[in-house]
């Protein structure tokens, strides 16, 4: 009996072991299955993560790349610059911003497509020249590029700028690209990168095409000037609204008779605490903002008011010469305002002479030509101001309905002191007269200048020899006294009309004597 029980126990144990073994295998199979599934999930995750990372990098590259020029954009520049500034606190950094200084001229002369090509070429040149050496670069805006230099000397930075300049200038013999650089040495690394860009850009704005150097360093003094200019801009707009600007008139005198034939309207600012400011103190600020157009409108109305006052007081009105800013000439909208102004004050068109600065003709466009022709059609007398400062070709003026040219004061000063200069003046005036232009010369300061301008055929003079710019009351007095006080001709220049008149006089005198002799007989 005991033997049977032992066998049964052994059988039971074997069954239990079998069940345990079965469950063990079952659990092992389950874990093996789960491991396989987990590995598959890991592989899938890794694959998807790699694909996602690749996609993110692609999206990031797209987000950080300018779609047109295919170089880094402002977001990339700011992020990478911030990382560098934080990661290398002991390093020195210099931010350089530059743009194409003559992009407006390229667009005007060759069209916007060529302007786009110039920007694209500049971007590729920047990448080729600057890449590497921990230099961060980007196209920040359409026509603004930035470079962040790390641990590089000013000499090395200037060398890079010179290489860029040379590559851009020699891109095309007909279309040179002229870059202008602003340099900001980073002293405060906690400053937002955008503020650093603004400081470099501010320095760059002080570079002009006439400057020998095409770069400018940011300084505290420059920043102070900028803040003062910004403050003055706010004050200027307020002064316009409060009529703190006044019109002064400078006589334009017929060199043959010394009579005032017109007067140029010049602006003055009655600035609190500083007195009367000349335009040199504030006009450059106006020209850098849209306020210059508002100032033009203001001065035009002041001129119309003066002419209307003369007419109402039975005073023969003097034609007033008034300036047009180049920015206004890009549309014809201002002409509608000018015509409405003349009609409102009931003023004849020939009492207003409009001066177009010569620099406006440097970028001749169809719109500019249309504006000039429209002004002529409306009956305004047109004059090119500062003629000779840019050597504008006379054939260009021949194609425009221009009535007068005014020689630039520096042109007179440079050419009056030598025989070669006088020859240039003589032939320039002769060609202008051949084209039926009235010739005006500004900057006349001596009687000797008056004498040789008369000899050369100049019609009208303007300058301190006759009078400085004066207020309206003083101008009215001057208009009555100028001939008697200044007309001192030291030589008589007969004209063909004088010669014909004298011949007629002699013939009549001879006939009269013959008649008297006949009657006496």
Protein backbone atom coordinates (compact mmCIF):
# COMPACT_ATOMS: atom_id res chain seq x y z
CA UNK A 1 0.00 0.00 0.00
CA UNK A 2 2.79 2.31 0.88
CA UNK A 3 4.41 1.48 -2.41
CA UNK A 4 1.33 2.57 -4.35
CA UNK A 5 1.10 5.83 -2.43
CA UNK A 6 4.75 6.59 -3.19
CA UNK A 7 4.14 5.97 -6.88
CA UNK A 8 1.11 8.24 -6.85
CA UNK A 9 3.11 11.00 -5.14
CA UNK A 10 5.86 10.64 -7.72
CA UNK A 11 3.29 10.80 -10.52
CA UNK A 12 1.71 13.88 -8.93
CA UNK A 13 5.11 15.54 -8.65
CA UNK A 14 5.87 14.70 -12.26
CA UNK A 15 2.55 16.16 -13.33
CA UNK A 16 3.21 19.27 -11.24
CA UNK A 17 6.68 19.60 -12.74
CA UNK A 18 5.17 19.13 -16.19
CA UNK A 19 2.59 21.84 -15.51
CA UNK A 20 5.29 24.14 -14.15
CA UNK A 21 7.51 23.43 -17.13
CA UNK A 22 4.60 24.07 -19.48
CA UNK A 23 3.82 27.36 -17.75
CA UNK A 24 7.49 28.26 -17.71
CA UNK A 25 7.73 27.66 -21.45
CA UNK A 26 4.51 29.56 -21.93
CA UNK A 27 5.81 32.53 -19.94
CA UNK A 28 9.16 32.33 -21.73
CA UNK A 29 7.38 32.30 -25.08
CA UNK A 30 5.30 35.28 -23.97
CA UNK A 31 8.35 37.24 -22.89
CA UNK A 32 10.12 36.26 -26.09
CA UNK A 33 7.12 37.48 -28.05
CA UNK A 34 6.97 40.71 -26.05
CA UNK A 35 10.70 41.19 -26.54
CA UNK A 36 10.31 40.71 -30.27
CA UNK A 37 7.40 43.15 -30.34
CA UNK A 38 9.35 45.60 -28.22
CA UNK A 39 12.33 45.30 -30.52
CA UNK A 40 10.09 45.90 -33.49
CA UNK A 41 8.65 48.92 -31.76
CA UNK A 42 12.17 50.15 -30.96
CA UNK A 43 13.21 49.69 -34.56
CA UNK A 44 10.06 51.40 -35.79
CA UNK A 45 10.57 54.23 -33.29
CA UNK A 46 14.20 54.59 -34.25
CA UNK A 47 13.30 54.60 -37.92
CA UNK A 48 10.47 57.06 -37.42
CA UNK A 49 12.64 59.22 -35.15
CA UNK A 50 15.38 59.28 -37.74
CA UNK A 51 12.86 60.21 -40.41
CA UNK A 52 11.33 62.83 -38.12
CA UNK A 53 14.75 64.25 -37.25
CA UNK A 54 15.60 64.38 -40.93
CA UNK A 55 12.30 66.09 -41.66
CA UNK A 56 12.82 68.52 -38.80
CA UNK A 57 16.28 69.33 -40.08
CA UNK A 58 14.84 69.88 -43.53
CA UNK A 59 12.09 72.08 -42.13
CA UNK A 60 14.61 73.88 -39.93
CA UNK A 61 16.86 74.46 -42.92
CA UNK A 62 13.90 75.78 -44.88
CA UNK A 63 12.86 78.00 -41.97
CA UNK A 64 16.41 79.31 -41.56
CA UNK A 65 17.11 79.82 -45.27
CA UNK A 66 16.15 82.71 -47.52
CA UNK A 67 13.91 81.22 -50.19
CA UNK A 68 15.39 83.35 -52.99
CA UNK A 69 19.12 83.52 -52.29
CA UNK A 70 19.43 80.18 -50.43
CA UNK A 71 21.63 81.57 -47.65
CA UNK A 72 20.81 81.88 -43.93
CA UNK A 73 18.14 84.34 -42.82
CA UNK A 74 17.63 86.59 -39.79
CA UNK A 75 16.18 83.81 -37.57
CA UNK A 76 19.27 81.68 -38.11
CA UNK A 77 21.57 84.64 -37.53
CA UNK A 78 19.94 85.64 -34.25
CA UNK A 79 19.77 82.08 -32.86
CA UNK A 80 23.35 81.13 -33.78
CA UNK A 81 24.72 84.49 -32.60
CA UNK A 82 22.96 84.16 -29.23
CA UNK A 83 24.38 80.64 -28.82
CA UNK A 84 27.90 81.84 -29.65
CA UNK A 85 27.69 84.80 -27.28
CA UNK A 86 26.59 82.53 -24.41
CA UNK A 87 28.95 79.65 -25.20
CA UNK A 88 32.09 81.76 -25.52
CA UNK A 89 31.92 84.48 -22.85
CA UNK A 90 35.67 85.14 -23.10
CA UNK A 91 35.62 85.66 -26.87
CA UNK A 92 35.45 89.00 -28.65
CA UNK A 93 32.71 89.55 -31.24
CA UNK A 94 32.19 92.09 -34.00
CA UNK A 95 28.95 92.47 -35.95
CA UNK A 96 29.14 93.88 -39.48
CA UNK A 97 26.04 94.91 -41.45
CA UNK A 98 26.15 95.95 -45.09
CA UNK A 99 23.85 96.66 -47.99
CA UNK A 100 24.10 97.50 -51.70
CA UNK A 101 24.43 101.26 -51.63
CA UNK A 102 23.48 101.77 -55.27
CA UNK A 103 20.62 99.27 -55.48
CA UNK A 104 18.17 102.09 -56.27
CA UNK A 105 20.30 103.22 -59.19
CA UNK A 106 20.59 99.64 -60.48
CA UNK A 107 16.81 99.22 -60.32
CA UNK A 108 16.23 102.55 -62.06
CA UNK A 109 18.76 102.09 -64.86
CA UNK A 110 18.47 98.36 -65.53
CA UNK A 111 15.14 97.34 -64.02
CA UNK A 112 14.11 95.44 -60.86
CA UNK A 113 15.11 92.08 -62.36
CA UNK A 114 18.73 93.21 -62.54
CA UNK A 115 18.37 94.48 -58.97
CA UNK A 116 17.29 90.99 -57.90
CA UNK A 117 20.29 89.52 -59.72
CA UNK A 118 22.58 91.93 -57.87
CA UNK A 119 21.16 90.88 -54.48
CA UNK A 120 21.46 87.17 -55.38
CA UNK A 121 25.07 87.64 -56.52
CA UNK A 122 25.85 89.52 -53.30
CA UNK A 123 24.42 86.65 -51.21
CA UNK A 124 26.47 84.02 -53.04
CA UNK A 125 29.60 86.15 -52.81
CA UNK A 126 29.04 86.58 -49.08
CA UNK A 127 28.77 82.82 -48.61
CA UNK A 128 31.92 82.13 -50.65
CA UNK A 129 34.03 84.78 -48.92
CA UNK A 130 32.85 84.51 -45.30
CA UNK A 131 32.09 80.80 -44.75
CA UNK A 132 34.14 79.11 -42.01
CA UNK A 133 36.27 80.37 -39.12
CA UNK A 134 33.25 80.52 -36.79
CA UNK A 135 31.74 83.33 -38.87
CA UNK A 136 27.97 83.55 -38.75
CA UNK A 137 26.42 85.24 -41.78
CA UNK A 138 22.92 85.81 -43.13
CA UNK A 139 20.70 87.88 -45.38
CA UNK A 140 18.79 89.76 -42.70
CA UNK A 141 16.50 91.72 -45.01
CA UNK A 142 16.19 92.01 -48.77
CA UNK A 143 19.10 94.45 -49.06
CA UNK A 144 20.80 93.99 -45.70
CA UNK A 145 23.41 91.34 -44.91
CA UNK A 146 25.11 90.63 -41.57
CA UNK A 147 28.28 88.89 -40.42
CA UNK A 148 29.22 87.99 -36.82
CA UNK A 149 33.00 87.68 -36.43
CA UNK A 150 34.52 85.86 -33.44
CA UNK A 151 38.04 86.53 -32.15
CA UNK A 152 39.12 88.37 -35.30
CA UNK A 153 41.11 91.58 -35.41
CA UNK A 154 39.91 94.75 -37.10
CA UNK A 155 42.57 94.23 -39.76
CA UNK A 156 41.23 90.76 -40.56
CA UNK A 157 37.65 92.04 -40.65
CA UNK A 158 38.57 94.95 -42.93
CA UNK A 159 40.39 92.49 -45.19
CA UNK A 160 37.21 90.42 -45.53
CA UNK A 161 35.23 93.57 -46.31
CA UNK A 162 37.80 94.59 -48.91
CA UNK A 163 37.59 91.15 -50.54
CA UNK A 164 33.80 91.41 -50.62
CA UNK A 165 33.97 94.92 -52.07
CA UNK A 166 36.39 93.89 -54.81
CA UNK A 167 34.30 90.85 -55.77
CA UNK A 168 31.11 92.92 -55.95
CA UNK A 169 32.66 95.87 -57.77
CA UNK A 170 34.11 93.66 -60.49
CA UNK A 171 31.04 91.52 -61.03
CA UNK A 172 30.10 93.36 -64.22
CA UNK A 173 31.89 96.21 -65.95
CA UNK A 174 28.56 97.91 -66.66
CA UNK A 175 26.82 97.24 -63.35
CA UNK A 176 29.15 97.61 -60.39
CA UNK A 177 27.75 96.70 -56.97
CA UNK A 178 28.79 99.17 -54.27
CA UNK A 179 28.50 97.82 -50.70
CA UNK A 180 28.41 100.05 -47.60
CA UNK A 181 29.44 98.52 -44.25
CA UNK A 182 28.55 99.36 -40.66
CA UNK A 183 30.74 97.88 -37.91
CA UNK A 184 29.64 97.32 -34.31
CA UNK A 185 32.26 95.94 -31.87
CA UNK A 186 30.19 93.97 -29.33
CA UNK A 187 31.00 95.31 -25.87
CA UNK A 188 27.81 94.28 -24.07
CA UNK A 189 27.07 90.62 -24.83
CA UNK A 190 23.77 90.79 -22.94
CA UNK A 191 22.43 93.19 -25.55
CA UNK A 192 19.79 91.58 -27.80
CA UNK A 193 21.27 90.60 -31.16
CA UNK A 194 18.61 92.66 -32.93
CA UNK A 195 19.85 95.76 -31.13
CA UNK A 196 23.39 94.92 -32.24
CA UNK A 197 22.15 94.69 -35.84
CA UNK A 198 20.42 98.05 -35.47
CA UNK A 199 23.63 99.67 -34.22
CA UNK A 200 25.69 98.28 -37.09
CA UNK A 201 22.97 99.35 -39.53
CA UNK A 202 22.95 102.83 -38.02
CA UNK A 203 26.70 103.15 -38.64
CA UNK A 204 26.23 101.86 -42.19
CA UNK A 205 23.68 104.60 -42.94
CA UNK A 206 26.38 107.22 -42.45
CA UNK A 207 28.28 105.89 -45.49
CA UNK A 208 27.57 107.61 -48.83
CA UNK A 209 28.74 106.93 -52.38
CA UNK A 210 30.93 110.04 -52.22
CA UNK A 211 32.93 108.77 -49.22
CA UNK A 212 36.43 107.47 -49.80
CA UNK A 213 35.87 104.67 -47.26
CA UNK A 214 32.84 102.43 -47.62
CA UNK A 215 32.56 101.58 -43.92
CA UNK A 216 31.82 103.30 -40.63
CA UNK A 217 32.29 102.17 -37.02
CA UNK A 218 29.49 102.53 -34.50
CA UNK A 219 30.42 104.88 -31.65
CA UNK A 220 28.61 106.34 -28.67
CA UNK A 221 28.92 109.77 -30.28
CA UNK A 222 27.27 108.50 -33.45
CA UNK A 223 24.50 106.95 -31.39
CA UNK A 224 24.00 110.21 -29.52
CA UNK A 225 23.74 112.05 -32.83
CA UNK A 226 21.19 109.52 -34.00
CA UNK A 227 19.09 109.96 -30.86
CA UNK A 228 19.33 113.75 -31.20
CA UNK A 229 18.26 113.50 -34.83
CA UNK A 230 15.36 111.26 -33.89
CA UNK A 231 14.31 113.73 -31.21
CA UNK A 232 14.66 116.62 -33.65
CA UNK A 233 12.53 114.76 -36.22
CA UNK A 234 9.67 114.69 -33.70
CA UNK A 235 10.21 118.38 -33.00
CA UNK A 236 10.28 119.18 -36.72
CA UNK A 237 6.89 117.62 -37.33
CA UNK A 238 5.46 119.55 -34.41
CA UNK A 239 7.08 122.76 -35.70
CA UNK A 240 5.48 122.25 -39.11
CA UNK A 241 2.05 121.90 -37.53
CA UNK A 242 2.67 125.02 -35.42
CA UNK A 243 4.04 127.07 -38.37
CA UNK A 244 7.47 127.57 -36.85
CA UNK A 245 9.10 127.42 -40.28
CA UNK A 246 9.39 130.63 -42.26
CA UNK A 247 10.04 131.44 -45.90
CA UNK A 248 13.05 133.62 -46.71
CA UNK A 249 13.68 134.93 -50.21
CA UNK A 250 17.00 135.37 -51.98
CA UNK A 251 16.88 137.64 -55.05
CA UNK A 252 17.76 136.33 -58.50
CA UNK A 253 19.04 139.30 -60.48
CA UNK A 254 19.19 140.06 -64.21
CA UNK A 255 22.91 140.63 -64.77
CA UNK A 256 22.23 143.20 -67.52
CA UNK A 257 19.85 145.46 -65.59
CA UNK A 258 20.38 144.51 -61.94
CA UNK A 259 16.65 144.13 -61.55
CA UNK A 260 15.20 141.32 -59.45
CA UNK A 261 13.46 138.98 -61.87
CA UNK A 262 12.65 136.21 -59.39
CA UNK A 263 13.47 135.00 -55.90
CA UNK A 264 14.29 131.59 -54.47
CA UNK A 265 12.22 130.48 -51.51
CA UNK A 266 14.46 129.17 -48.71
CA UNK A 267 13.23 127.73 -45.43
CA UNK A 268 14.25 128.85 -41.95
CA UNK A 269 13.30 127.34 -38.59
CA UNK A 270 12.57 129.48 -35.57
CA UNK A 271 13.91 126.99 -33.04
CA UNK A 272 13.13 127.74 -29.36
CA UNK A 273 16.30 128.68 -27.52
CA UNK A 274 18.50 128.64 -30.64
CA UNK A 275 16.96 131.34 -32.80
CA UNK A 276 16.66 131.11 -36.58
CA UNK A 277 18.26 127.93 -37.95
CA UNK A 278 19.51 127.66 -41.53
CA UNK A 279 18.41 124.65 -43.63
CA UNK A 280 21.85 123.06 -43.29
CA UNK A 281 20.94 122.29 -39.66
CA UNK A 282 17.81 120.28 -40.41
CA UNK A 283 17.23 119.61 -44.12
CA UNK A 284 19.38 116.43 -44.15
CA UNK A 285 17.06 115.01 -41.49
CA UNK A 286 14.00 115.96 -43.52
CA UNK A 287 15.44 114.30 -46.61
CA UNK A 288 15.87 111.01 -44.74
CA UNK A 289 12.19 110.89 -43.80
CA UNK A 290 8.83 111.46 -45.42
CA UNK A 291 8.77 114.87 -43.71
CA UNK A 292 10.57 116.37 -46.72
CA UNK A 293 7.39 116.01 -48.75
CA UNK A 294 5.36 117.68 -46.04
CA UNK A 295 7.91 120.51 -45.92
CA UNK A 296 7.66 120.97 -49.70
CA UNK A 297 3.88 121.28 -49.46
CA UNK A 298 4.26 123.74 -46.60
CA UNK A 299 6.75 125.94 -48.50
CA UNK A 300 4.69 125.90 -51.68
CA UNK A 301 1.73 127.31 -49.80
CA UNK A 302 3.90 129.94 -48.11
CA UNK A 303 5.08 131.04 -51.56
CA UNK A 304 1.51 131.22 -52.86
CA UNK A 305 0.50 133.29 -49.82
CA UNK A 306 3.33 135.79 -50.50
CA UNK A 307 2.37 136.19 -54.17
CA UNK A 308 -1.28 136.59 -53.26
CA UNK A 309 -0.36 139.29 -50.74
CA UNK A 310 1.60 141.23 -53.37
CA UNK A 311 -1.30 141.03 -55.81
CA UNK A 312 -3.87 142.11 -53.21
CA UNK A 313 -1.69 145.10 -52.25
CA UNK A 314 -1.26 146.24 -55.88
CA UNK A 315 2.43 145.25 -55.85
CA UNK A 316 3.84 143.70 -59.00
CA UNK A 317 4.46 140.09 -57.93
CA UNK A 318 7.93 138.60 -58.21
CA UNK A 319 8.02 135.03 -59.52
CA UNK A 320 9.13 132.69 -56.74
CA UNK A 321 11.40 129.71 -57.34
CA UNK A 322 10.49 126.71 -55.18
CA UNK A 323 12.17 123.34 -54.77
CA UNK A 324 10.81 119.87 -55.49
CA UNK A 325 12.31 116.96 -53.58
CA UNK A 326 13.39 113.99 -55.76
CA UNK A 327 11.14 111.61 -53.82
CA UNK A 328 8.05 113.56 -54.91
CA UNK A 329 8.91 113.13 -58.58
CA UNK A 330 8.36 109.38 -58.45
CA UNK A 331 4.60 109.97 -58.74
CA UNK A 332 2.36 112.66 -60.24
CA UNK A 333 0.18 112.93 -57.13
CA UNK A 334 1.99 116.07 -55.92
CA UNK A 335 1.13 117.85 -59.18
CA UNK A 336 -2.58 117.60 -58.41
CA UNK A 337 -1.94 119.23 -55.05
CA UNK A 338 0.19 121.97 -56.62
CA UNK A 339 -2.41 122.75 -59.27
CA UNK A 340 -5.16 122.86 -56.63
CA UNK A 341 -3.01 125.19 -54.54
CA UNK A 342 -2.45 127.60 -57.44
CA UNK A 343 -6.16 127.62 -58.27
CA UNK A 344 -7.10 128.19 -54.65
CA UNK A 345 -4.91 131.31 -54.41
CA UNK A 346 -5.77 132.42 -57.98
CA UNK A 347 -2.14 132.59 -59.07
CA UNK A 348 -0.83 132.37 -62.63
CA UNK A 349 1.41 129.43 -63.37
CA UNK A 350 4.29 131.61 -64.60
CA UNK A 351 4.64 133.14 -61.13
CA UNK A 352 5.94 129.82 -59.83
CA UNK A 353 9.28 128.43 -61.00
CA UNK A 354 9.93 124.86 -59.92
CA UNK A 355 13.52 123.75 -59.30
CA UNK A 356 14.33 120.07 -59.84
CA UNK A 357 17.67 119.02 -58.29
CA UNK A 358 20.16 117.62 -60.78
CA UNK A 359 20.66 114.49 -58.67
CA UNK A 360 17.05 113.54 -59.42
CA UNK A 361 18.00 113.15 -63.10
CA UNK A 362 20.80 110.71 -62.27
CA UNK A 363 18.20 107.92 -61.98
CA UNK A 364 15.97 108.82 -64.91
CA UNK A 365 12.84 106.68 -65.01
CA UNK A 366 9.67 106.71 -67.10
CA UNK A 367 7.78 107.96 -64.04
CA UNK A 368 10.21 110.83 -63.50
CA UNK A 369 9.99 111.82 -67.17
CA UNK A 370 6.19 111.67 -66.98
CA UNK A 371 6.16 113.96 -63.92
CA UNK A 372 8.38 116.55 -65.62
CA UNK A 373 6.28 116.53 -68.79
CA UNK A 374 3.08 116.83 -66.77
CA UNK A 375 4.46 119.89 -64.91
CA UNK A 376 5.31 121.47 -68.27
CA UNK A 377 1.84 120.74 -69.60
CA UNK A 378 0.32 122.43 -66.55
CA UNK A 379 2.23 125.62 -67.46
CA UNK A 380 4.96 125.66 -64.78
CA UNK A 381 8.43 127.05 -65.53
CA UNK A 382 11.00 124.32 -64.85
CA UNK A 383 14.61 124.77 -63.78
CA UNK A 384 17.36 122.22 -63.11
CA UNK A 385 19.04 123.17 -59.82
CA UNK A 386 22.71 122.54 -58.93
CA UNK A 387 23.55 121.89 -62.56
CA UNK A 388 27.16 120.83 -63.01
CA UNK A 389 27.51 119.04 -59.70
CA UNK A 390 26.99 115.65 -61.40
CA UNK A 391 27.95 116.57 -64.94
CA UNK A 392 24.51 115.85 -66.36
CA UNK A 393 24.57 115.52 -70.16
CA UNK A 394 22.89 118.37 -72.00
CA UNK A 395 21.32 115.92 -74.44
CA UNK A 396 19.28 114.55 -71.53
CA UNK A 397 17.95 118.03 -70.83
CA UNK A 398 17.20 118.48 -74.52
CA UNK A 399 14.75 115.60 -74.26
CA UNK A 400 12.96 117.21 -71.29
CA UNK A 401 10.78 120.35 -71.32
CA UNK A 402 13.23 122.37 -69.21
CA UNK A 403 13.28 126.19 -69.35
CA UNK A 404 16.26 127.06 -67.16
CA UNK A 405 19.42 125.65 -65.68
CA UNK A 406 21.08 126.92 -62.52
CA UNK A 407 24.83 126.35 -62.30
CA UNK A 408 25.92 124.88 -58.99
CA UNK A 409 27.85 127.28 -56.73
CA UNK A 410 30.74 124.83 -56.42
CA UNK A 411 30.88 124.53 -60.20
CA UNK A 412 31.42 128.30 -60.44
CA UNK A 413 34.03 128.33 -57.66
CA UNK A 414 36.02 125.43 -59.16
CA UNK A 415 36.13 126.76 -62.71
CA UNK A 416 36.40 130.51 -62.27
CA UNK A 417 40.04 130.49 -61.20
CA UNK A 418 41.73 129.11 -64.32
CA UNK A 419 41.64 129.48 -68.09
CA UNK A 420 40.65 125.83 -68.48
CA UNK A 421 37.80 126.32 -66.02
CA UNK A 422 36.61 129.45 -67.80
CA UNK A 423 36.65 127.53 -71.08
CA UNK A 424 34.43 124.87 -69.53
CA UNK A 425 32.03 127.53 -68.24
CA UNK A 426 32.06 129.36 -71.58
CA UNK A 427 31.18 126.29 -73.62
CA UNK A 428 28.64 124.98 -71.11
CA UNK A 429 26.78 128.30 -71.11
CA UNK A 430 27.07 128.54 -74.91
CA UNK A 431 25.53 125.06 -75.32
CA UNK A 432 22.79 125.88 -72.83
CA UNK A 433 21.97 129.07 -74.71
CA UNK A 434 21.96 127.12 -77.98
CA UNK A 435 19.26 124.93 -76.43
CA UNK A 436 17.33 128.09 -75.45
CA UNK A 437 17.84 127.69 -71.72
CA UNK A 438 17.91 130.68 -69.43
CA UNK A 439 21.19 130.35 -67.53
CA UNK A 440 21.36 131.18 -63.82
CA UNK A 441 24.48 131.07 -61.67
CA UNK A 442 24.31 130.86 -57.90
CA UNK A 443 27.06 131.64 -55.46
CA UNK A 444 27.91 135.02 -57.04
CA UNK A 445 29.94 136.91 -54.45
CA UNK A 446 32.01 139.56 -56.29
CA UNK A 447 31.65 142.15 -59.04
CA UNK A 448 34.47 140.40 -60.91
CA UNK A 449 32.35 137.26 -61.07
CA UNK A 450 29.43 139.32 -62.37
CA UNK A 451 31.63 140.80 -65.11
CA UNK A 452 32.94 137.52 -66.49
CA UNK A 453 29.52 135.83 -66.18
CA UNK A 454 28.14 138.64 -68.33
CA UNK A 455 30.96 138.10 -70.79
CA UNK A 456 30.17 134.37 -70.91
CA UNK A 457 26.50 135.03 -71.62
CA UNK A 458 24.93 134.16 -68.26
CA UNK A 459 21.48 135.71 -67.78
CA UNK A 460 20.76 135.73 -64.06
CA UNK A 461 22.91 135.77 -60.93
CA UNK A 462 22.14 134.79 -57.35
CA UNK A 463 24.39 135.18 -54.36
CA UNK A 464 25.62 137.31 -51.48
CA UNK A 465 26.95 139.95 -53.89
CA UNK A 466 23.33 140.94 -54.41
CA UNK A 467 21.76 139.87 -51.13
CA UNK A 468 21.63 137.13 -48.56
CA UNK A 469 18.25 135.42 -48.04
CA UNK A 470 15.91 137.84 -46.25
CA UNK A 471 12.41 137.82 -44.80
CA UNK A 472 9.44 139.08 -46.82
CA UNK A 473 9.42 142.61 -45.38
CA UNK A 474 13.12 143.06 -46.09
CA UNK A 475 12.70 141.61 -49.58
CA UNK A 476 10.02 144.19 -50.44
CA UNK A 477 12.42 146.99 -49.46
CA UNK A 478 15.30 145.36 -51.34
CA UNK A 479 13.19 145.03 -54.46
CA UNK A 480 12.89 148.82 -54.61
CA UNK A 481 16.53 149.68 -53.91
CA UNK A 482 18.76 147.02 -55.45
CA UNK A 483 19.20 148.68 -58.87
CA UNK A 484 20.22 152.07 -57.48
CA UNK A 485 22.70 150.66 -54.95
CA UNK A 486 24.43 147.93 -56.96
CA UNK A 487 24.22 148.78 -60.65
CA UNK A 488 27.76 149.87 -61.43
CA UNK A 489 28.67 148.53 -64.90
CA UNK A 490 32.36 149.03 -65.67
CA UNK A 491 32.01 148.12 -69.32
CA UNK A 492 29.29 148.44 -71.93
CA UNK A 493 28.28 145.32 -73.86
CA UNK A 494 26.30 146.35 -76.96
CA UNK A 495 23.78 143.95 -78.44
CA UNK A 496 22.60 143.50 -82.01
CA UNK A 497 19.42 145.37 -81.07
CA UNK A 498 21.59 148.28 -79.88
CA UNK A 499 23.51 148.24 -83.17
CA UNK A 500 20.34 148.30 -85.29
CA UNK A 501 18.87 151.09 -83.19
CA UNK A 502 22.06 153.14 -83.53
CA UNK A 503 22.11 152.69 -87.32
CA UNK A 504 18.50 153.83 -87.54
CA UNK A 505 19.37 156.85 -85.43
CA UNK A 506 22.35 157.78 -87.65
CA UNK A 507 20.30 157.37 -90.87
CA UNK A 508 17.52 159.57 -89.49
CA UNK A 509 20.07 162.16 -88.37
CA UNK A 510 21.65 162.29 -91.86
CA UNK A 511 18.23 162.59 -93.50
CA UNK A 512 17.28 165.37 -91.10
CA UNK A 513 20.46 167.31 -91.93
CA UNK A 514 19.84 166.83 -95.68
CA UNK A 515 16.27 168.14 -95.30
CA UNK A 516 17.50 171.17 -93.33
CA UNK A 517 20.06 171.93 -96.04
CA UNK A 518 17.41 171.67 -98.78
CA UNK A 519 15.07 174.01 -96.91
CA UNK A 520 17.87 176.52 -96.38
CA UNK A 521 18.51 176.66 -100.13
